[in-house]
Amino acid sequence: MKFIEPLYERAQSMWLGTIEVLPLLFIAVVVLILTWFLSAVLTKLLRQSLKRANIRPSLRDLFITLSKVTLWTIGVLFAVTIIFPSLTPAKLLTVLGLGSVAVGLAFKDIFENFFAGILIMLRKPMRINDYVKCEGVSGRVEKITVRETYLRKIDDQLIVVPNSFLFKNPVYILTDLGSRRFDLVVGVAYGEDVDKAREVITKALESIEEIDQKRGVEVYAREFNSSSLDFTVRWWAQSDPLSLHVSRDKVVTAIKYALDNAGIEIPFPYRTLTFKEPLTLNSGKEGPAAQENGKNKP
């Protein structure tokens, strides 16, 4: 029975310690509730003020997220120091500093995407609804968060791209401006007049509404191809992908009709075959036996 007495004293001391800590726990809970209340109020005020300031939605969400994280960090530190009075803020920061190294190594990719998302939001060029292209990945920017960016492809597939991927690699912003230049290669036969073909192609594009006629149409002789003389045709149209397809359709159709009406040939590839030995031509005058053998051949 001697071992019961130490256990009883131990349990009694733990119970008394718990009773002594209860007021501190209550105060810590009150601090966390106040933190939650202040976070909600601050979020609402920031959202209204930043909305009036006409800031980009992604940047507005970033400011709100950072404010909430900062406020909750302060509130949790206060609550911990209330429960454990011997744990001073200096000691707590030291522990957090040592722990942050281990956490940083364990969650390297997460923190990398987080900071990359902050830098992407601070950069002005990439905006919501922009069409972007990066290392074979393309789509419309639908949402930017602190960890990943959501791209909506033209066929409505959704791609979730880590922010570090967009930050480390070159990003082509296709709709940074309202219009951009498109190119097309058109070939005509070698026997055709070069100047006449250039003039016909240029005039064919002057009546297309989808082309920005103020910036003009450019037609340049490009190169000597295997069976054609190629021209590079350049025009300006709206920069979104749909306008690319629409304007290209109009351009190709107009050039085809114009060259056909002008009698200018659009050649297909020619192939010249050479043989080491002379070929014997069949004139069709062989005897009946030869013709019969020819019919029986597969």
C-alpha atoms as a PDB file:
ATOM      1  CA  MET A   1       0.000   0.000   0.000  1.00  0.00           C
ATOM      2  CA  LYS A   2       3.018   2.248   0.192  1.00  0.00           C
ATOM      3  CA  PHE A   3       2.975   2.921  -3.571  1.00  0.00           C
ATOM      4  CA  ILE A   4      -0.611   4.284  -3.423  1.00  0.00           C
ATOM      5  CA  GLU A   5       0.300   7.281  -1.330  1.00  0.00           C
ATOM      6  CA  PRO A   6       2.813   8.733  -3.849  1.00  0.00           C
ATOM      7  CA  LEU A   7       0.317   8.216  -6.661  1.00  0.00           C
ATOM      8  CA  TYR A   8      -2.368   9.963  -4.621  1.00  0.00           C
ATOM      9  CA  GLU A   9      -0.102  12.910  -3.924  1.00  0.00           C
ATOM     10  CA  ARG A  10       0.871  13.049  -7.592  1.00  0.00           C
ATOM     11  CA  ALA A  11      -2.749  13.059  -8.753  1.00  0.00           C
ATOM     12  CA  GLN A  12      -3.657  15.683  -6.162  1.00  0.00           C
ATOM     13  CA  SER A  13      -0.844  17.980  -7.293  1.00  0.00           C
ATOM     14  CA  MET A  14      -1.894  17.561 -10.935  1.00  0.00           C
ATOM     15  CA  TRP A  15      -5.497  18.377 -10.040  1.00  0.00           C
ATOM     16  CA  LEU A  16      -4.485  21.482  -8.115  1.00  0.00           C
ATOM     17  CA  GLY A  17      -2.213  22.525 -10.984  1.00  0.00           C
ATOM     18  CA  THR A  18      -5.075  22.102 -13.426  1.00  0.00           C
ATOM     19  CA  ILE A  19      -7.349  24.230 -11.233  1.00  0.00           C
ATOM     20  CA  GLU A  20      -4.680  26.906 -11.051  1.00  0.00           C
ATOM     21  CA  VAL A  21      -4.272  26.882 -14.861  1.00  0.00           C
ATOM     22  CA  LEU A  22      -8.016  27.063 -15.605  1.00  0.00           C
ATOM     23  CA  PRO A  23      -8.222  30.862 -15.236  1.00  0.00           C
ATOM     24  CA  LEU A  24      -5.221  31.189 -17.549  1.00  0.00           C
ATOM     25  CA  LEU A  25      -6.847  28.835 -20.062  1.00  0.00           C
ATOM     26  CA  PHE A  26     -10.004  30.910 -19.900  1.00  0.00           C
ATOM     27  CA  ILE A  27      -8.049  34.110 -20.555  1.00  0.00           C
ATOM     28  CA  ALA A  28      -6.183  32.427 -23.446  1.00  0.00           C
ATOM     29  CA  VAL A  29      -9.478  31.330 -25.007  1.00  0.00           C
ATOM     30  CA  VAL A  30     -10.792  34.894 -24.638  1.00  0.00           C
ATOM     31  CA  VAL A  31      -7.652  36.167 -26.387  1.00  0.00           C
ATOM     32  CA  LEU A  32      -8.186  33.720 -29.276  1.00  0.00           C
ATOM     33  CA  ILE A  33     -11.848  34.753 -29.560  1.00  0.00           C
ATOM     34  CA  LEU A  34     -10.830  38.415 -29.651  1.00  0.00           C
ATOM     35  CA  THR A  35      -8.239  37.549 -32.284  1.00  0.00           C
ATOM     36  CA  TRP A  36     -10.908  35.864 -34.393  1.00  0.00           C
ATOM     37  CA  PHE A  37     -13.220  38.859 -33.993  1.00  0.00           C
ATOM     38  CA  LEU A  38     -10.485  41.372 -34.867  1.00  0.00           C
ATOM     39  CA  SER A  39      -9.466  39.246 -37.860  1.00  0.00           C
ATOM     40  CA  ALA A  40     -13.030  39.234 -39.206  1.00  0.00           C
ATOM     41  CA  VAL A  41     -13.412  43.004 -38.709  1.00  0.00           C
ATOM     42  CA  LEU A  42     -10.006  43.741 -40.220  1.00  0.00           C
ATOM     43  CA  THR A  43     -10.743  41.517 -43.215  1.00  0.00           C
ATOM     44  CA  LYS A  44     -14.036  43.293 -43.870  1.00  0.00           C
ATOM     45  CA  LEU A  45     -12.488  46.760 -43.543  1.00  0.00           C
ATOM     46  CA  LEU A  46      -9.531  45.886 -45.744  1.00  0.00           C
ATOM     47  CA  ARG A  47     -11.758  44.330 -48.404  1.00  0.00           C
ATOM     48  CA  GLN A  48     -13.939  47.445 -48.582  1.00  0.00           C
ATOM     49  CA  SER A  49     -11.058  49.917 -48.568  1.00  0.00           C
ATOM     50  CA  LEU A  50      -8.976  48.010 -51.124  1.00  0.00           C
ATOM     51  CA  LYS A  51     -12.022  47.577 -53.348  1.00  0.00           C
ATOM     52  CA  ARG A  52     -12.498  51.338 -53.416  1.00  0.00           C
ATOM     53  CA  ALA A  53      -8.790  51.725 -54.180  1.00  0.00           C
ATOM     54  CA  ASN A  54      -9.313  49.759 -57.438  1.00  0.00           C
ATOM     55  CA  ILE A  55      -6.561  47.233 -56.682  1.00  0.00           C
ATOM     56  CA  ARG A  56      -6.346  43.976 -58.598  1.00  0.00           C
ATOM     57  CA  PRO A  57      -8.330  41.146 -56.920  1.00  0.00           C
ATOM     58  CA  SER A  58      -5.262  38.896 -56.586  1.00  0.00           C
ATOM     59  CA  LEU A  59      -3.282  41.654 -54.875  1.00  0.00           C
ATOM     60  CA  ARG A  60      -6.238  42.487 -52.645  1.00  0.00           C
ATOM     61  CA  ASP A  61      -6.493  38.856 -51.522  1.00  0.00           C
ATOM     62  CA  LEU A  62      -2.757  38.840 -50.826  1.00  0.00           C
ATOM     63  CA  PHE A  63      -2.968  41.853 -48.482  1.00  0.00           C
ATOM     64  CA  ILE A  64      -5.925  40.351 -46.668  1.00  0.00           C
ATOM     65  CA  THR A  65      -4.210  36.974 -46.255  1.00  0.00           C
ATOM     66  CA  LEU A  66      -0.994  38.502 -44.927  1.00  0.00           C
ATOM     67  CA  SER A  67      -2.951  40.690 -42.472  1.00  0.00           C
ATOM     68  CA  LYS A  68      -4.891  37.699 -41.138  1.00  0.00           C
ATOM     69  CA  VAL A  69      -1.734  35.596 -40.774  1.00  0.00           C
ATOM     70  CA  THR A  70       0.045  38.402 -38.899  1.00  0.00           C
ATOM     71  CA  LEU A  71      -2.888  39.029 -36.550  1.00  0.00           C
ATOM     72  CA  TRP A  72      -3.366  35.342 -35.765  1.00  0.00           C
ATOM     73  CA  THR A  73       0.363  34.887 -35.132  1.00  0.00           C
ATOM     74  CA  ILE A  74       0.313  37.696 -32.559  1.00  0.00           C
ATOM     75  CA  GLY A  75      -2.867  36.348 -30.941  1.00  0.00           C
ATOM     76  CA  VAL A  76      -1.505  32.795 -30.644  1.00  0.00           C
ATOM     77  CA  LEU A  77       1.767  34.090 -29.137  1.00  0.00           C
ATOM     78  CA  PHE A  78      -0.173  36.036 -26.507  1.00  0.00           C
ATOM     79  CA  ALA A  79      -2.316  33.001 -25.693  1.00  0.00           C
ATOM     80  CA  VAL A  80       0.731  30.730 -25.304  1.00  0.00           C
ATOM     81  CA  THR A  81       2.547  33.186 -23.032  1.00  0.00           C
ATOM     82  CA  ILE A  82      -0.599  33.528 -20.863  1.00  0.00           C
ATOM     83  CA  ILE A  83      -0.883  29.762 -20.371  1.00  0.00           C
ATOM     84  CA  PHE A  84       2.863  29.356 -19.763  1.00  0.00           C
ATOM     85  CA  PRO A  85       4.026  32.479 -17.888  1.00  0.00           C
ATOM     86  CA  SER A  86       7.600  31.200 -17.683  1.00  0.00           C
ATOM     87  CA  LEU A  87       7.767  31.149 -21.487  1.00  0.00           C
ATOM     88  CA  THR A  88       8.828  34.703 -22.308  1.00  0.00           C
ATOM     89  CA  PRO A  89       8.410  36.171 -25.801  1.00  0.00           C
ATOM     90  CA  ALA A  90      12.191  36.040 -26.293  1.00  0.00           C
ATOM     91  CA  LYS A  91      12.321  32.308 -25.515  1.00  0.00           C
ATOM     92  CA  LEU A  92       9.282  31.684 -27.677  1.00  0.00           C
ATOM     93  CA  LEU A  93      10.817  33.501 -30.639  1.00  0.00           C
ATOM     94  CA  THR A  94      14.016  31.501 -30.159  1.00  0.00           C
ATOM     95  CA  VAL A  95      12.059  28.246 -30.264  1.00  0.00           C
ATOM     96  CA  LEU A  96      10.136  29.421 -33.307  1.00  0.00           C
ATOM     97  CA  GLY A  97      13.383  30.453 -34.981  1.00  0.00           C
ATOM     98  CA  LEU A  98      14.908  27.027 -34.507  1.00  0.00           C
ATOM     99  CA  GLY A  99      11.703  25.317 -35.516  1.00  0.00           C
ATOM    100  CA  SER A 100      11.303  27.468 -38.603  1.00  0.00           C
ATOM    101  CA  VAL A 101      14.543  26.057 -40.016  1.00  0.00           C
ATOM    102  CA  ALA A 102      13.244  22.504 -39.749  1.00  0.00           C
ATOM    103  CA  VAL A 103       9.826  23.511 -41.053  1.00  0.00           C
ATOM    104  CA  GLY A 104      11.426  25.413 -43.930  1.00  0.00           C
ATOM    105  CA  LEU A 105      13.429  22.378 -44.993  1.00  0.00           C
ATOM    106  CA  ALA A 106      10.436  20.073 -44.698  1.00  0.00           C
ATOM    107  CA  PHE A 107       8.051  22.378 -46.584  1.00  0.00           C
ATOM    108  CA  LYS A 108      10.513  23.930 -49.035  1.00  0.00           C
ATOM    109  CA  ASP A 109       8.263  23.594 -52.082  1.00  0.00           C
ATOM    110  CA  ILE A 110       5.245  25.010 -50.246  1.00  0.00           C
ATOM    111  CA  PHE A 111       7.139  28.105 -49.086  1.00  0.00           C
ATOM    112  CA  GLU A 112       8.703  28.479 -52.517  1.00  0.00           C
ATOM    113  CA  ASN A 113       5.294  28.549 -54.168  1.00  0.00           C
ATOM    114  CA  PHE A 114       4.010  30.908 -51.468  1.00  0.00           C
ATOM    115  CA  PHE A 115       6.708  33.525 -52.005  1.00  0.00           C
ATOM    116  CA  ALA A 116       6.548  33.057 -55.781  1.00  0.00           C
ATOM    117  CA  GLY A 117       2.794  33.735 -55.579  1.00  0.00           C
ATOM    118  CA  ILE A 118       3.441  36.966 -53.666  1.00  0.00           C
ATOM    119  CA  LEU A 119       5.918  38.146 -56.296  1.00  0.00           C
ATOM    120  CA  ILE A 120       3.586  37.168 -59.148  1.00  0.00           C
ATOM    121  CA  MET A 121       0.760  39.154 -57.573  1.00  0.00           C
ATOM    122  CA  LEU A 122       3.019  42.172 -57.147  1.00  0.00           C
ATOM    123  CA  ARG A 123       4.066  42.033 -60.787  1.00  0.00           C
ATOM    124  CA  LYS A 124       1.773  44.033 -63.000  1.00  0.00           C
ATOM    125  CA  PRO A 125       1.888  42.267 -66.419  1.00  0.00           C
ATOM    126  CA  MET A 126      -0.060  39.052 -65.696  1.00  0.00           C
ATOM    127  CA  ARG A 127      -3.684  39.819 -64.913  1.00  0.00           C
ATOM    128  CA  ILE A 128      -6.884  37.857 -64.492  1.00  0.00           C
ATOM    129  CA  ASN A 129      -8.379  36.809 -67.893  1.00  0.00           C
ATOM    130  CA  ASP A 130      -5.021  37.157 -69.653  1.00  0.00           C
ATOM    131  CA  TYR A 131      -4.038  34.332 -71.996  1.00  0.00           C
ATOM    132  CA  VAL A 132      -0.560  33.114 -71.102  1.00  0.00           C
ATOM    133  CA  LYS A 133       1.845  30.478 -72.365  1.00  0.00           C
ATOM    134  CA  CYS A 134       4.690  28.950 -70.346  1.00  0.00           C
ATOM    135  CA  GLU A 135       6.781  25.891 -71.250  1.00  0.00           C
ATOM    136  CA  GLY A 136       4.025  24.190 -73.232  1.00  0.00           C
ATOM    137  CA  VAL A 137       1.289  25.134 -70.749  1.00  0.00           C
ATOM    138  CA  SER A 138      -1.203  27.716 -71.965  1.00  0.00           C
ATOM    139  CA  GLY A 139      -4.580  29.055 -70.959  1.00  0.00           C
ATOM    140  CA  ARG A 140      -6.566  31.963 -69.554  1.00  0.00           C
ATOM    141  CA  VAL A 141      -5.625  33.117 -66.055  1.00  0.00           C
ATOM    142  CA  GLU A 142      -8.710  32.365 -63.996  1.00  0.00           C
ATOM    143  CA  LYS A 143      -7.394  32.775 -60.449  1.00  0.00           C
ATOM    144  CA  ILE A 144      -4.100  33.553 -58.700  1.00  0.00           C
ATOM    145  CA  THR A 145      -3.594  32.384 -55.136  1.00  0.00           C
ATOM    146  CA  VAL A 146      -0.560  32.467 -52.869  1.00  0.00           C
ATOM    147  CA  ARG A 147       0.314  28.867 -53.785  1.00  0.00           C
ATOM    148  CA  GLU A 148      -0.894  28.146 -57.319  1.00  0.00           C
ATOM    149  CA  THR A 149      -2.376  29.750 -60.424  1.00  0.00           C
ATOM    150  CA  TYR A 150      -5.471  28.403 -62.173  1.00  0.00           C
ATOM    151  CA  LEU A 151      -5.337  28.391 -65.986  1.00  0.00           C
ATOM    152  CA  ARG A 152      -8.418  27.626 -68.067  1.00  0.00           C
ATOM    153  CA  LYS A 153      -7.558  26.147 -71.459  1.00  0.00           C
ATOM    154  CA  ILE A 154      -9.497  27.002 -74.601  1.00  0.00           C
ATOM    155  CA  ASP A 155     -11.304  23.649 -74.413  1.00  0.00           C
ATOM    156  CA  ASP A 156     -12.338  24.497 -70.793  1.00  0.00           C
ATOM    157  CA  GLN A 157      -9.875  22.132 -69.121  1.00  0.00           C
ATOM    158  CA  LEU A 158      -8.494  23.522 -65.867  1.00  0.00           C
ATOM    159  CA  ILE A 159      -4.747  23.463 -65.171  1.00  0.00           C
ATOM    160  CA  VAL A 160      -3.462  24.120 -61.651  1.00  0.00           C
ATOM    161  CA  VAL A 161       0.088  25.436 -62.033  1.00  0.00           C
ATOM    162  CA  PRO A 162       2.487  25.913 -59.079  1.00  0.00           C
ATOM    163  CA  ASN A 163       3.508  29.550 -58.771  1.00  0.00           C
ATOM    164  CA  SER A 164       7.206  28.653 -58.692  1.00  0.00           C
ATOM    165  CA  PHE A 165       6.821  27.156 -62.202  1.00  0.00           C
ATOM    166  CA  LEU A 166       5.490  30.449 -63.572  1.00  0.00           C
ATOM    167  CA  PHE A 167       8.047  32.487 -61.663  1.00  0.00           C
ATOM    168  CA  LYS A 168      11.112  30.534 -62.784  1.00  0.00           C
ATOM    169  CA  ASN A 169      10.243  30.144 -66.476  1.00  0.00           C
ATOM    170  CA  PRO A 170       9.536  32.704 -69.223  1.00  0.00           C
ATOM    171  CA  VAL A 171       5.826  33.512 -69.446  1.00  0.00           C
ATOM    172  CA  TYR A 172       4.354  34.750 -72.731  1.00  0.00           C
ATOM    173  CA  ILE A 173       1.377  37.031 -72.065  1.00  0.00           C
ATOM    174  CA  LEU A 174      -0.519  36.796 -75.335  1.00  0.00           C
ATOM    175  CA  THR A 175      -3.164  39.382 -74.460  1.00  0.00           C
ATOM    176  CA  ASP A 176      -0.943  41.982 -72.833  1.00  0.00           C
ATOM    177  CA  LEU A 177      -2.047  44.373 -75.609  1.00  0.00           C
ATOM    178  CA  GLY A 178      -5.346  44.506 -77.417  1.00  0.00           C
ATOM    179  CA  SER A 179      -3.880  43.360 -80.748  1.00  0.00           C
ATOM    180  CA  ARG A 180      -0.889  41.392 -81.958  1.00  0.00           C
ATOM    181  CA  ARG A 181       0.672  40.324 -85.231  1.00  0.00           C
ATOM    182  CA  PHE A 182       0.020  37.014 -86.963  1.00  0.00           C
ATOM    183  CA  ASP A 183       1.991  35.364 -89.765  1.00  0.00           C
ATOM    184  CA  LEU A 184       1.121  33.071 -92.651  1.00  0.00           C
ATOM    185  CA  VAL A 185       3.257  31.489 -95.391  1.00  0.00           C
ATOM    186  CA  VAL A 186       1.775  31.484 -98.924  1.00  0.00           C
ATOM    187  CA  GLY A 187       3.468  29.792-101.876  1.00  0.00           C
ATOM    188  CA  VAL A 188       3.031  30.518-105.613  1.00  0.00           C
ATOM    189  CA  ALA A 189       4.462  28.701-108.612  1.00  0.00           C
ATOM    190  CA  TYR A 190       7.880  29.711-109.952  1.00  0.00           C
ATOM    191  CA  GLY A 191       6.392  30.623-113.309  1.00  0.00           C
ATOM    192  CA  GLU A 192       4.203  33.365-111.824  1.00  0.00           C
ATOM    193  CA  ASP A 193       5.042  37.056-111.672  1.00  0.00           C
ATOM    194  CA  VAL A 194       6.342  37.879-108.182  1.00  0.00           C
ATOM    195  CA  ASP A 195       5.176  41.500-108.077  1.00  0.00           C
ATOM    196  CA  LYS A 196       1.726  40.616-109.374  1.00  0.00           C
ATOM    197  CA  ALA A 197       1.324  37.847-106.780  1.00  0.00           C
ATOM    198  CA  ARG A 198       2.374  40.221-103.980  1.00  0.00           C
ATOM    199  CA  GLU A 199      -0.122  42.836-105.187  1.00  0.00           C
ATOM    200  CA  VAL A 200      -2.973  40.330-105.431  1.00  0.00           C
ATOM    201  CA  ILE A 201      -2.355  39.036-101.912  1.00  0.00           C
ATOM    202  CA  THR A 202      -2.143  42.553-100.481  1.00  0.00           C
ATOM    203  CA  LYS A 203      -5.381  43.719-102.095  1.00  0.00           C
ATOM    204  CA  ALA A 204      -7.183  40.557-100.993  1.00  0.00           C
ATOM    205  CA  LEU A 205      -6.638  41.449 -97.350  1.00  0.00           C
ATOM    206  CA  GLU A 206      -7.615  45.114 -97.531  1.00  0.00           C
ATOM    207  CA  SER A 207     -11.342  44.365 -97.209  1.00  0.00           C
ATOM    208  CA  ILE A 208     -11.194  42.002 -94.224  1.00  0.00           C
ATOM    209  CA  GLU A 209     -12.856  43.612 -91.197  1.00  0.00           C
ATOM    210  CA  GLU A 210     -11.092  41.388 -88.644  1.00  0.00           C
ATOM    211  CA  ILE A 211      -7.712  42.881 -89.649  1.00  0.00           C
ATOM    212  CA  ASP A 212      -6.511  46.144 -88.127  1.00  0.00           C
ATOM    213  CA  GLN A 213      -6.176  48.060 -91.368  1.00  0.00           C
ATOM    214  CA  LYS A 214      -4.595  51.050 -89.621  1.00  0.00           C
ATOM    215  CA  ARG A 215      -1.468  48.987 -88.988  1.00  0.00           C
ATOM    216  CA  GLY A 216      -1.530  47.650 -92.523  1.00  0.00           C
ATOM    217  CA  VAL A 217      -0.759  44.325 -94.146  1.00  0.00           C
ATOM    218  CA  GLU A 218       2.793  43.185 -94.930  1.00  0.00           C
ATOM    219  CA  VAL A 219       3.693  40.782 -97.725  1.00  0.00           C
ATOM    220  CA  TYR A 220       7.336  39.789 -98.217  1.00  0.00           C
ATOM    221  CA  ALA A 221       9.010  37.290-100.515  1.00  0.00           C
ATOM    222  CA  ARG A 222      10.303  34.710 -98.072  1.00  0.00           C
ATOM    223  CA  GLU A 223      12.361  31.952 -99.684  1.00  0.00           C
ATOM    224  CA  PHE A 224      12.782  29.576-102.615  1.00  0.00           C
ATOM    225  CA  ASN A 225      11.005  26.401-101.595  1.00  0.00           C
ATOM    226  CA  SER A 226      11.176  23.021-103.292  1.00  0.00           C
ATOM    227  CA  SER A 227       8.193  23.687-105.557  1.00  0.00           C
ATOM    228  CA  SER A 228       7.125  27.250-104.821  1.00  0.00           C
ATOM    229  CA  LEU A 229       8.236  30.785-104.132  1.00  0.00           C
ATOM    230  CA  ASP A 230       7.014  31.505-100.607  1.00  0.00           C
ATOM    231  CA  PHE A 231       5.645  34.790 -99.258  1.00  0.00           C
ATOM    232  CA  THR A 232       5.332  35.787 -95.607  1.00  0.00           C
ATOM    233  CA  VAL A 233       1.971  37.482 -94.989  1.00  0.00           C
ATOM    234  CA  ARG A 234       1.642  39.519 -91.777  1.00  0.00           C
ATOM    235  CA  TRP A 235      -1.413  41.200 -90.338  1.00  0.00           C
ATOM    236  CA  TRP A 236      -2.646  42.605 -87.012  1.00  0.00           C
ATOM    237  CA  ALA A 237      -5.803  41.447 -85.251  1.00  0.00           C
ATOM    238  CA  GLN A 238      -7.211  41.099 -81.741  1.00  0.00           C
ATOM    239  CA  SER A 239      -4.889  39.139 -79.479  1.00  0.00           C
ATOM    240  CA  ASP A 240      -7.256  36.553 -77.975  1.00  0.00           C
ATOM    241  CA  PRO A 241      -7.106  32.973 -79.363  1.00  0.00           C
ATOM    242  CA  LEU A 242     -10.582  33.074 -80.928  1.00  0.00           C
ATOM    243  CA  SER A 243      -9.712  36.166 -82.960  1.00  0.00           C
ATOM    244  CA  LEU A 244      -6.575  34.380 -84.148  1.00  0.00           C
ATOM    245  CA  HIS A 245      -8.621  31.561 -85.670  1.00  0.00           C
ATOM    246  CA  VAL A 246     -11.272  33.878 -87.085  1.00  0.00           C
ATOM    247  CA  SER A 247      -8.801  36.251 -88.736  1.00  0.00           C
ATOM    248  CA  ARG A 248      -6.646  33.403 -90.076  1.00  0.00           C
ATOM    249  CA  ASP A 249      -9.729  31.784 -91.615  1.00  0.00           C
ATOM    250  CA  LYS A 250     -10.658  35.046 -93.359  1.00  0.00           C
ATOM    251  CA  VAL A 251      -7.086  35.605 -94.569  1.00  0.00           C
ATOM    252  CA  VAL A 252      -6.619  32.097 -95.981  1.00  0.00           C
ATOM    253  CA  THR A 253     -10.013  32.172 -97.716  1.00  0.00           C
ATOM    254  CA  ALA A 254      -9.454  35.622 -99.223  1.00  0.00           C
ATOM    255  CA  ILE A 255      -5.966  34.753-100.533  1.00  0.00           C
ATOM    256  CA  LYS A 256      -7.190  31.500-102.083  1.00  0.00           C
ATOM    257  CA  TYR A 257     -10.051  33.200-103.932  1.00  0.00           C
ATOM    258  CA  ALA A 258      -7.875  36.119-105.045  1.00  0.00           C
ATOM    259  CA  LEU A 259      -5.101  33.920-106.458  1.00  0.00           C
ATOM    260  CA  ASP A 260      -7.604  31.673-108.234  1.00  0.00           C
ATOM    261  CA  ASN A 261      -9.387  34.657-109.817  1.00  0.00           C
ATOM    262  CA  ALA A 262      -6.057  36.124-110.933  1.00  0.00           C
ATOM    263  CA  GLY A 263      -5.008  32.817-112.493  1.00  0.00           C
ATOM    264  CA  ILE A 264      -1.993  32.485-110.211  1.00  0.00           C
ATOM    265  CA  GLU A 265      -1.094  28.890-109.409  1.00  0.00           C
ATOM    266  CA  ILE A 266      -0.730  27.677-105.842  1.00  0.00           C
ATOM    267  CA  PRO A 267       1.509  24.646-106.449  1.00  0.00           C
ATOM    268  CA  PHE A 268       1.524  21.347-104.710  1.00  0.00           C
ATOM    269  CA  PRO A 269       4.831  19.549-104.132  1.00  0.00           C
ATOM    270  CA  TYR A 270       6.440  18.170-107.298  1.00  0.00           C
ATOM    271  CA  ARG A 271       8.466  14.961-107.181  1.00  0.00           C
ATOM    272  CA  THR A 272      11.068  13.977-109.782  1.00  0.00           C
ATOM    273  CA  LEU A 273      12.064  10.305-109.919  1.00  0.00           C
ATOM    274  CA  THR A 274      15.406   9.186-111.388  1.00  0.00           C
ATOM    275  CA  PHE A 275      16.363   5.613-112.254  1.00  0.00           C
ATOM    276  CA  LYS A 276      19.799   4.111-112.588  1.00  0.00           C
ATOM    277  CA  GLU A 277      18.800   1.954-115.603  1.00  0.00           C
ATOM    278  CA  PRO A 278      16.659   3.033-118.603  1.00  0.00           C
ATOM    279  CA  LEU A 279      13.015   2.054-118.386  1.00  0.00           C
ATOM    280  CA  THR A 280      11.240   0.059-121.078  1.00  0.00           C
ATOM    281  CA  LEU A 281       7.936   1.575-122.097  1.00  0.00           C
ATOM    282  CA  ASN A 282       5.057  -0.775-122.809  1.00  0.00           C
ATOM    283  CA  SER A 283       3.347   0.309-126.016  1.00  0.00           C
ATOM    284  CA  GLY A 284       0.515  -2.185-125.665  1.00  0.00           C
ATOM    285  CA  LYS A 285       1.374  -4.009-128.959  1.00  0.00           C
ATOM    286  CA  GLU A 286       2.590  -7.294-127.488  1.00  0.00           C
ATOM    287  CA  GLY A 287       1.115 -10.508-128.712  1.00  0.00           C
ATOM    288  CA  PRO A 288      -1.965 -12.232-127.274  1.00  0.00           C
ATOM    289  CA  ALA A 289       0.154 -14.464-125.044  1.00  0.00           C
ATOM    290  CA  ALA A 290       1.977 -11.504-123.476  1.00  0.00           C
ATOM    291  CA  GLN A 291      -1.291  -9.631-122.971  1.00  0.00           C
ATOM    292  CA  GLU A 292      -2.809 -12.720-121.363  1.00  0.00           C
ATOM    293  CA  ASN A 293       0.181 -13.038-119.038  1.00  0.00           C
ATOM    294  CA  GLY A 294      -0.166  -9.375-118.141  1.00  0.00           C
ATOM    295  CA  LYS A 295      -3.786  -9.848-117.196  1.00  0.00           C
ATOM    296  CA  ASN A 296      -2.921 -12.707-114.914  1.00  0.00           C
ATOM    297  CA  LYS A 297      -0.350 -10.690-112.977  1.00  0.00           C
ATOM    298  CA  PRO A 298      -1.502  -9.505-109.547  1.00  0.00           C
END
